[in-house]
Amino acid sequence: MDGKTRVADLPNVGSLSRMQGMAFEHDSSGWFSGARRCPSSNFNARPVGVEPELVVVHSISLPPGCYGGGEVEALFCNRLDCSRHPFYSQLVGLRVSAHFLIERSGELIQFVSCQDRAWHAGESHWRMRSNCNDFSIGIELEGMDVYAYETAQYKTLSGLLAALFLEYSRLSMETLVGHSDIAPGRKTDPGPAFNWAFLHRLLRNRLRPGVPEPPLISSSGTN
């Protein structure tokens, strides 16, 4: 991870908002404009005095490899009909969430305030600390480990990350990790298909207005 870009290097909110159509701004309750709000009951309070210090990128699709059916949203909001597919038998009674989901189209959905503790990381460790849900923000991408993510998802993700870095002083590119980084051996997402280098270039350009945007990647993941 590249840790050279920190909050002190960032332009003001107005500059970021004008750049590449970015419209993510944080309100006092931890919700972002530009995201469709879909509140989940699967959350609790962070420990007293704890703020976000880590961003965790995940991937999810329900059923695996199927996109656009609203099943992930239903899972996070406890509305998933587990009789609809054999795979869902293992999800009966499961209570999970993430702060954000980025669909294949690039649409951003927020389920939990960033001030609260979403249930996304499970058993996890980062820099000698356990229970990463306590101090992290979870972002799910609609997808699978081995299939390329969409350019629209990278664009939305980079815009959201830039806004999060502005809002929370302990977040930076060096506190941006995958689920596999905090739960090695148990989780593999976002997987080898996730193009970290492309995301880093997009994000650097968002943090440094005036730098040309890198070429778009194709759905095959090349760039």
C-alpha atoms as a PDB file:
ATOM      1  CA  MET A   1       0.000   0.000   0.000  1.00  0.00           C
ATOM      2  CA  ASP A   2       1.174   3.546  -0.751  1.00  0.00           C
ATOM      3  CA  GLY A   3       1.111   5.633   2.426  1.00  0.00           C
ATOM      4  CA  LYS A   4       2.560   8.856   0.997  1.00  0.00           C
ATOM      5  CA  THR A   5      -0.771  10.623   0.470  1.00  0.00           C
ATOM      6  CA  ARG A   6      -2.347  11.764   3.712  1.00  0.00           C
ATOM      7  CA  VAL A   7      -5.120  14.120   4.754  1.00  0.00           C
ATOM      8  CA  ALA A   8      -2.729  17.069   4.870  1.00  0.00           C
ATOM      9  CA  ASP A   9      -2.162  16.658   1.115  1.00  0.00           C
ATOM     10  CA  LEU A  10      -5.840  16.732   0.208  1.00  0.00           C
ATOM     11  CA  PRO A  11      -7.671  19.630  -1.461  1.00  0.00           C
ATOM     12  CA  ASN A  12     -10.756  21.074   0.148  1.00  0.00           C
ATOM     13  CA  VAL A  13     -14.177  19.451  -0.092  1.00  0.00           C
ATOM     14  CA  GLY A  14     -15.305  21.855  -2.800  1.00  0.00           C
ATOM     15  CA  SER A  15     -12.390  20.937  -5.044  1.00  0.00           C
ATOM     16  CA  LEU A  16     -13.023  17.235  -4.573  1.00  0.00           C
ATOM     17  CA  SER A  17     -16.733  17.603  -5.215  1.00  0.00           C
ATOM     18  CA  ARG A  18     -16.150  19.345  -8.527  1.00  0.00           C
ATOM     19  CA  MET A  19     -13.617  16.793  -9.675  1.00  0.00           C
ATOM     20  CA  GLN A  20     -14.911  14.120 -12.069  1.00  0.00           C
ATOM     21  CA  GLY A  21     -18.486  14.660 -10.860  1.00  0.00           C
ATOM     22  CA  MET A  22     -17.800  13.420  -7.345  1.00  0.00           C
ATOM     23  CA  ALA A  23     -20.775  14.112  -5.061  1.00  0.00           C
ATOM     24  CA  PHE A  24     -19.974  12.299  -1.829  1.00  0.00           C
ATOM     25  CA  GLU A  25     -20.192  14.499   1.234  1.00  0.00           C
ATOM     26  CA  HIS A  26     -20.480  13.404   4.844  1.00  0.00           C
ATOM     27  CA  ASP A  27     -23.171  14.710   7.189  1.00  0.00           C
ATOM     28  CA  SER A  28     -22.962  15.025  10.955  1.00  0.00           C
ATOM     29  CA  SER A  29     -24.640  11.644  11.479  1.00  0.00           C
ATOM     30  CA  GLY A  30     -22.164   9.660   9.373  1.00  0.00           C
ATOM     31  CA  TRP A  31     -24.226   9.297   6.200  1.00  0.00           C
ATOM     32  CA  PHE A  32     -23.011  10.297   2.733  1.00  0.00           C
ATOM     33  CA  SER A  33     -24.871  12.264   0.112  1.00  0.00           C
ATOM     34  CA  GLY A  34     -24.556  10.647  -3.282  1.00  0.00           C
ATOM     35  CA  ALA A  35     -25.294   7.244  -1.770  1.00  0.00           C
ATOM     36  CA  ARG A  36     -28.719   5.630  -1.726  1.00  0.00           C
ATOM     37  CA  ARG A  37     -29.613   5.175   1.915  1.00  0.00           C
ATOM     38  CA  CYS A  38     -30.885   1.729   2.869  1.00  0.00           C
ATOM     39  CA  PRO A  39     -30.638   1.442   6.677  1.00  0.00           C
ATOM     40  CA  SER A  40     -29.779  -1.962   8.121  1.00  0.00           C
ATOM     41  CA  SER A  41     -30.491  -2.999  11.686  1.00  0.00           C
ATOM     42  CA  ASN A  42     -27.322  -5.107  11.681  1.00  0.00           C
ATOM     43  CA  PHE A  43     -24.970  -2.770  13.514  1.00  0.00           C
ATOM     44  CA  ASN A  44     -24.033  -1.566  16.959  1.00  0.00           C
ATOM     45  CA  ALA A  45     -22.071   1.277  18.510  1.00  0.00           C
ATOM     46  CA  ARG A  46     -18.312   1.486  18.174  1.00  0.00           C
ATOM     47  CA  PRO A  47     -16.356   1.316  21.426  1.00  0.00           C
ATOM     48  CA  VAL A  48     -16.304   4.656  23.215  1.00  0.00           C
ATOM     49  CA  GLY A  49     -13.763   7.020  21.707  1.00  0.00           C
ATOM     50  CA  VAL A  50     -13.020   4.832  18.673  1.00  0.00           C
ATOM     51  CA  GLU A  51     -13.168   6.347  15.182  1.00  0.00           C
ATOM     52  CA  PRO A  52     -12.545   4.713  11.790  1.00  0.00           C
ATOM     53  CA  GLU A  53      -8.874   3.836  11.318  1.00  0.00           C
ATOM     54  CA  LEU A  54      -9.170   1.218   8.568  1.00  0.00           C
ATOM     55  CA  VAL A  55     -11.097   0.675   5.325  1.00  0.00           C
ATOM     56  CA  VAL A  56     -11.792  -2.907   4.299  1.00  0.00           C
ATOM     57  CA  VAL A  57     -12.697  -3.778   0.695  1.00  0.00           C
ATOM     58  CA  HIS A  58     -14.823  -6.904   0.233  1.00  0.00           C
ATOM     59  CA  SER A  59     -16.625  -8.631  -2.611  1.00  0.00           C
ATOM     60  CA  ILE A  60     -20.000 -10.337  -2.592  1.00  0.00           C
ATOM     61  CA  SER A  61     -22.561 -11.738  -5.012  1.00  0.00           C
ATOM     62  CA  LEU A  62     -25.754 -13.644  -4.309  1.00  0.00           C
ATOM     63  CA  PRO A  63     -26.088 -16.297  -5.461  1.00  0.00           C
ATOM     64  CA  PRO A  64     -22.366 -16.515  -6.302  1.00  0.00           C
ATOM     65  CA  GLY A  65     -21.700 -15.078  -9.742  1.00  0.00           C
ATOM     66  CA  CYS A  66     -25.150 -13.502 -10.107  1.00  0.00           C
ATOM     67  CA  TYR A  67     -25.522  -9.739 -10.129  1.00  0.00           C
ATOM     68  CA  GLY A  68     -28.229  -7.115 -10.066  1.00  0.00           C
ATOM     69  CA  GLY A  69     -30.990  -9.016  -8.299  1.00  0.00           C
ATOM     70  CA  GLY A  70     -30.999  -7.020  -5.088  1.00  0.00           C
ATOM     71  CA  GLU A  71     -30.120 -10.092  -3.045  1.00  0.00           C
ATOM     72  CA  VAL A  72     -27.147  -8.508  -1.272  1.00  0.00           C
ATOM     73  CA  GLU A  73     -29.277  -5.567  -0.207  1.00  0.00           C
ATOM     74  CA  ALA A  74     -31.899  -8.016   1.031  1.00  0.00           C
ATOM     75  CA  LEU A  75     -29.283  -9.950   3.024  1.00  0.00           C
ATOM     76  CA  PHE A  76     -27.967  -6.840   4.739  1.00  0.00           C
ATOM     77  CA  CYS A  77     -31.505  -5.763   5.612  1.00  0.00           C
ATOM     78  CA  ASN A  78     -32.650  -9.202   6.836  1.00  0.00           C
ATOM     79  CA  ARG A  79     -35.122  -9.579   3.956  1.00  0.00           C
ATOM     80  CA  LEU A  80     -33.444 -12.379   1.995  1.00  0.00           C
ATOM     81  CA  ASP A  81     -35.785 -15.268   1.197  1.00  0.00           C
ATOM     82  CA  CYS A  82     -33.477 -18.200   1.884  1.00  0.00           C
ATOM     83  CA  SER A  83     -35.812 -20.594   0.063  1.00  0.00           C
ATOM     84  CA  ARG A  84     -35.038 -18.944  -3.280  1.00  0.00           C
ATOM     85  CA  HIS A  85     -31.730 -20.727  -3.928  1.00  0.00           C
ATOM     86  CA  PRO A  86     -29.910 -23.772  -2.480  1.00  0.00           C
ATOM     87  CA  PHE A  87     -26.859 -21.649  -1.644  1.00  0.00           C
ATOM     88  CA  TYR A  88     -28.938 -19.562   0.737  1.00  0.00           C
ATOM     89  CA  SER A  89     -29.442 -22.467   3.144  1.00  0.00           C
ATOM     90  CA  GLN A  90     -26.132 -21.518   4.769  1.00  0.00           C
ATOM     91  CA  LEU A  91     -27.342 -17.947   5.267  1.00  0.00           C
ATOM     92  CA  VAL A  92     -30.393 -18.759   7.377  1.00  0.00           C
ATOM     93  CA  GLY A  93     -30.325 -16.597  10.484  1.00  0.00           C
ATOM     94  CA  LEU A  94     -27.157 -14.782   9.405  1.00  0.00           C
ATOM     95  CA  ARG A  95     -26.976 -11.140  10.479  1.00  0.00           C
ATOM     96  CA  VAL A  96     -24.346  -9.197   8.564  1.00  0.00           C
ATOM     97  CA  SER A  97     -23.914  -5.781   6.991  1.00  0.00           C
ATOM     98  CA  ALA A  98     -21.382  -3.402   5.534  1.00  0.00           C
ATOM     99  CA  HIS A  99     -21.303   0.354   5.580  1.00  0.00           C
ATOM    100  CA  PHE A 100     -21.418   0.494   1.783  1.00  0.00           C
ATOM    101  CA  LEU A 101     -22.159  -1.630  -1.283  1.00  0.00           C
ATOM    102  CA  ILE A 102     -21.025  -0.645  -4.774  1.00  0.00           C
ATOM    103  CA  GLU A 103     -23.081  -2.404  -7.421  1.00  0.00           C
ATOM    104  CA  ARG A 104     -21.793  -3.375 -10.868  1.00  0.00           C
ATOM    105  CA  SER A 105     -23.303  -0.201 -12.301  1.00  0.00           C
ATOM    106  CA  GLY A 106     -21.311   1.908  -9.859  1.00  0.00           C
ATOM    107  CA  GLU A 107     -24.342   2.782  -7.747  1.00  0.00           C
ATOM    108  CA  LEU A 108     -23.406   3.372  -4.121  1.00  0.00           C
ATOM    109  CA  ILE A 109     -25.690   2.144  -1.328  1.00  0.00           C
ATOM    110  CA  GLN A 110     -25.109   2.931   2.343  1.00  0.00           C
ATOM    111  CA  PHE A 111     -26.496   0.626   5.030  1.00  0.00           C
ATOM    112  CA  VAL A 112     -24.824   1.798   8.247  1.00  0.00           C
ATOM    113  CA  SER A 113     -23.593   5.182   9.433  1.00  0.00           C
ATOM    114  CA  CYS A 114     -19.832   5.469   9.425  1.00  0.00           C
ATOM    115  CA  GLN A 115     -20.078   6.466  13.066  1.00  0.00           C
ATOM    116  CA  ASP A 116     -21.442   3.013  13.887  1.00  0.00           C
ATOM    117  CA  ARG A 117     -20.006  -0.489  13.775  1.00  0.00           C
ATOM    118  CA  ALA A 118     -21.165  -2.550  10.782  1.00  0.00           C
ATOM    119  CA  TRP A 119     -20.839  -6.337  10.902  1.00  0.00           C
ATOM    120  CA  HIS A 120     -18.601  -7.069   7.935  1.00  0.00           C
ATOM    121  CA  ALA A 121     -15.157  -8.252   9.027  1.00  0.00           C
ATOM    122  CA  GLY A 122     -15.851 -11.210  11.298  1.00  0.00           C
ATOM    123  CA  GLU A 123     -12.856 -12.714  13.062  1.00  0.00           C
ATOM    124  CA  SER A 124     -10.045 -10.421  12.003  1.00  0.00           C
ATOM    125  CA  HIS A 125      -6.711  -8.876  12.960  1.00  0.00           C
ATOM    126  CA  TRP A 126      -4.782  -5.834  11.768  1.00  0.00           C
ATOM    127  CA  ARG A 127      -1.529  -4.506  13.200  1.00  0.00           C
ATOM    128  CA  MET A 128      -1.781  -6.562  16.380  1.00  0.00           C
ATOM    129  CA  ARG A 129      -5.408  -5.572  16.949  1.00  0.00           C
ATOM    130  CA  SER A 130      -8.402  -7.904  16.763  1.00  0.00           C
ATOM    131  CA  ASN A 131     -12.096  -7.225  16.101  1.00  0.00           C
ATOM    132  CA  CYS A 132     -11.578  -4.982  13.089  1.00  0.00           C
ATOM    133  CA  ASN A 133     -15.296  -4.134  13.007  1.00  0.00           C
ATOM    134  CA  ASP A 134     -14.625  -1.889  15.990  1.00  0.00           C
ATOM    135  CA  PHE A 135     -12.445   0.533  14.057  1.00  0.00           C
ATOM    136  CA  SER A 136     -13.096  -0.054  10.356  1.00  0.00           C
ATOM    137  CA  ILE A 137     -15.385   0.930   7.516  1.00  0.00           C
ATOM    138  CA  GLY A 138     -16.528  -1.951   5.300  1.00  0.00           C
ATOM    139  CA  ILE A 139     -17.115  -1.488   1.565  1.00  0.00           C
ATOM    140  CA  GLU A 140     -18.571  -4.376  -0.420  1.00  0.00           C
ATOM    141  CA  LEU A 141     -18.167  -4.580  -4.195  1.00  0.00           C
ATOM    142  CA  GLU A 142     -20.702  -6.630  -6.095  1.00  0.00           C
ATOM    143  CA  GLY A 143     -18.493  -9.262  -7.671  1.00  0.00           C
ATOM    144  CA  MET A 144     -16.344 -12.338  -7.198  1.00  0.00           C
ATOM    145  CA  ASP A 145     -12.663 -12.930  -6.502  1.00  0.00           C
ATOM    146  CA  VAL A 146     -11.811 -14.270  -9.949  1.00  0.00           C
ATOM    147  CA  TYR A 147     -13.897 -12.085 -12.282  1.00  0.00           C
ATOM    148  CA  ALA A 148     -12.989  -8.536 -13.243  1.00  0.00           C
ATOM    149  CA  TYR A 149     -14.756  -5.683 -11.511  1.00  0.00           C
ATOM    150  CA  GLU A 150     -16.329  -2.885 -13.531  1.00  0.00           C
ATOM    151  CA  THR A 151     -14.666   0.461 -14.228  1.00  0.00           C
ATOM    152  CA  ALA A 152     -17.754   2.178 -12.791  1.00  0.00           C
ATOM    153  CA  GLN A 153     -17.117   0.408  -9.482  1.00  0.00           C
ATOM    154  CA  TYR A 154     -13.520   1.611  -9.321  1.00  0.00           C
ATOM    155  CA  LYS A 155     -14.633   5.172 -10.064  1.00  0.00           C
ATOM    156  CA  THR A 156     -17.242   5.136  -7.319  1.00  0.00           C
ATOM    157  CA  LEU A 157     -14.852   3.479  -4.894  1.00  0.00           C
ATOM    158  CA  SER A 158     -12.114   6.046  -5.512  1.00  0.00           C
ATOM    159  CA  GLY A 159     -14.561   8.925  -5.021  1.00  0.00           C
ATOM    160  CA  LEU A 160     -15.896   7.434  -1.805  1.00  0.00           C
ATOM    161  CA  LEU A 161     -12.405   6.762  -0.464  1.00  0.00           C
ATOM    162  CA  ALA A 162     -11.297  10.320  -1.171  1.00  0.00           C
ATOM    163  CA  ALA A 163     -14.289  11.612   0.783  1.00  0.00           C
ATOM    164  CA  LEU A 164     -13.609   9.210   3.661  1.00  0.00           C
ATOM    165  CA  PHE A 165      -9.954  10.270   3.813  1.00  0.00           C
ATOM    166  CA  LEU A 166     -11.084  13.881   4.096  1.00  0.00           C
ATOM    167  CA  GLU A 167     -13.544  13.149   6.864  1.00  0.00           C
ATOM    168  CA  TYR A 168     -11.495  10.788   9.034  1.00  0.00           C
ATOM    169  CA  SER A 169      -7.937  11.868   9.792  1.00  0.00           C
ATOM    170  CA  ARG A 170      -6.654   8.357  10.535  1.00  0.00           C
ATOM    171  CA  LEU A 171      -7.621   7.001   7.114  1.00  0.00           C
ATOM    172  CA  SER A 172      -5.133   7.022   4.241  1.00  0.00           C
ATOM    173  CA  MET A 173      -3.949   4.807   1.426  1.00  0.00           C
ATOM    174  CA  GLU A 174      -1.872   2.791   3.888  1.00  0.00           C
ATOM    175  CA  THR A 175      -4.987   1.960   5.933  1.00  0.00           C
ATOM    176  CA  LEU A 176      -6.814   0.609   2.883  1.00  0.00           C
ATOM    177  CA  VAL A 177      -6.882  -3.197   2.834  1.00  0.00           C
ATOM    178  CA  GLY A 178      -8.767  -6.181   1.480  1.00  0.00           C
ATOM    179  CA  HIS A 179     -10.771  -8.612   3.584  1.00  0.00           C
ATOM    180  CA  SER A 180      -8.080 -11.193   2.871  1.00  0.00           C
ATOM    181  CA  ASP A 181      -5.484  -8.948   4.550  1.00  0.00           C
ATOM    182  CA  ILE A 182      -7.291  -8.962   7.897  1.00  0.00           C
ATOM    183  CA  ALA A 183      -8.592 -12.554   7.771  1.00  0.00           C
ATOM    184  CA  PRO A 184      -5.872 -14.504   5.914  1.00  0.00           C
ATOM    185  CA  GLY A 185      -6.674 -18.143   5.377  1.00  0.00           C
ATOM    186  CA  ARG A 186     -10.345 -17.509   6.098  1.00  0.00           C
ATOM    187  CA  LYS A 187     -11.207 -14.935   3.426  1.00  0.00           C
ATOM    188  CA  THR A 188      -9.862 -14.302  -0.076  1.00  0.00           C
ATOM    189  CA  ASP A 189     -11.824 -11.257  -1.233  1.00  0.00           C
ATOM    190  CA  PRO A 190     -11.637  -8.999  -3.102  1.00  0.00           C
ATOM    191  CA  GLY A 191      -9.331 -11.515  -4.752  1.00  0.00           C
ATOM    192  CA  PRO A 192      -6.821 -11.617  -7.601  1.00  0.00           C
ATOM    193  CA  ALA A 193      -9.258 -10.009 -10.036  1.00  0.00           C
ATOM    194  CA  PHE A 194      -9.265  -6.784  -8.050  1.00  0.00           C
ATOM    195  CA  ASN A 195      -6.955  -4.239  -9.674  1.00  0.00           C
ATOM    196  CA  TRP A 196      -5.322  -2.460  -6.724  1.00  0.00           C
ATOM    197  CA  ALA A 197      -2.898  -0.597  -8.975  1.00  0.00           C
ATOM    198  CA  PHE A 198      -5.717   0.899 -11.024  1.00  0.00           C
ATOM    199  CA  LEU A 199      -7.600   1.923  -7.865  1.00  0.00           C
ATOM    200  CA  HIS A 200      -4.476   3.558  -6.436  1.00  0.00           C
ATOM    201  CA  ARG A 201      -3.954   5.565  -9.634  1.00  0.00           C
ATOM    202  CA  LEU A 202      -7.570   6.695  -9.679  1.00  0.00           C
ATOM    203  CA  LEU A 203      -7.396   7.627  -6.023  1.00  0.00           C
ATOM    204  CA  ARG A 204      -4.160   9.568  -6.379  1.00  0.00           C
ATOM    205  CA  ASN A 205      -5.745  11.527  -9.192  1.00  0.00           C
ATOM    206  CA  ARG A 206      -8.762  12.325  -7.027  1.00  0.00           C
ATOM    207  CA  LEU A 207      -6.465  13.527  -4.268  1.00  0.00           C
ATOM    208  CA  ARG A 208      -4.371  15.612  -6.658  1.00  0.00           C
ATOM    209  CA  PRO A 209      -6.684  17.639  -8.946  1.00  0.00           C
ATOM    210  CA  GLY A 210      -5.353  18.375 -12.403  1.00  0.00           C
ATOM    211  CA  VAL A 211      -3.615  15.037 -12.931  1.00  0.00           C
ATOM    212  CA  PRO A 212      -5.068  13.270 -16.011  1.00  0.00           C
ATOM    213  CA  GLU A 213      -7.261  10.292 -15.203  1.00  0.00           C
ATOM    214  CA  PRO A 214      -5.719   6.899 -16.095  1.00  0.00           C
ATOM    215  CA  PRO A 215      -7.194   4.951 -19.019  1.00  0.00           C
ATOM    216  CA  LEU A 216     -10.374   3.051 -18.348  1.00  0.00           C
ATOM    217  CA  ILE A 217     -10.048  -0.667 -17.826  1.00  0.00           C
ATOM    218  CA  SER A 218     -12.103  -3.112 -19.794  1.00  0.00           C
ATOM    219  CA  SER A 219     -14.463  -5.655 -18.256  1.00  0.00           C
ATOM    220  CA  SER A 220     -11.670  -8.201 -18.752  1.00  0.00           C
ATOM    221  CA  GLY A 221      -9.584  -6.344 -16.191  1.00  0.00           C
ATOM    222  CA  THR A 222      -6.844  -5.185 -18.575  1.00  0.00           C
ATOM    223  CA  ASN A 223      -5.636  -1.607 -18.688  1.00  0.00           C
END
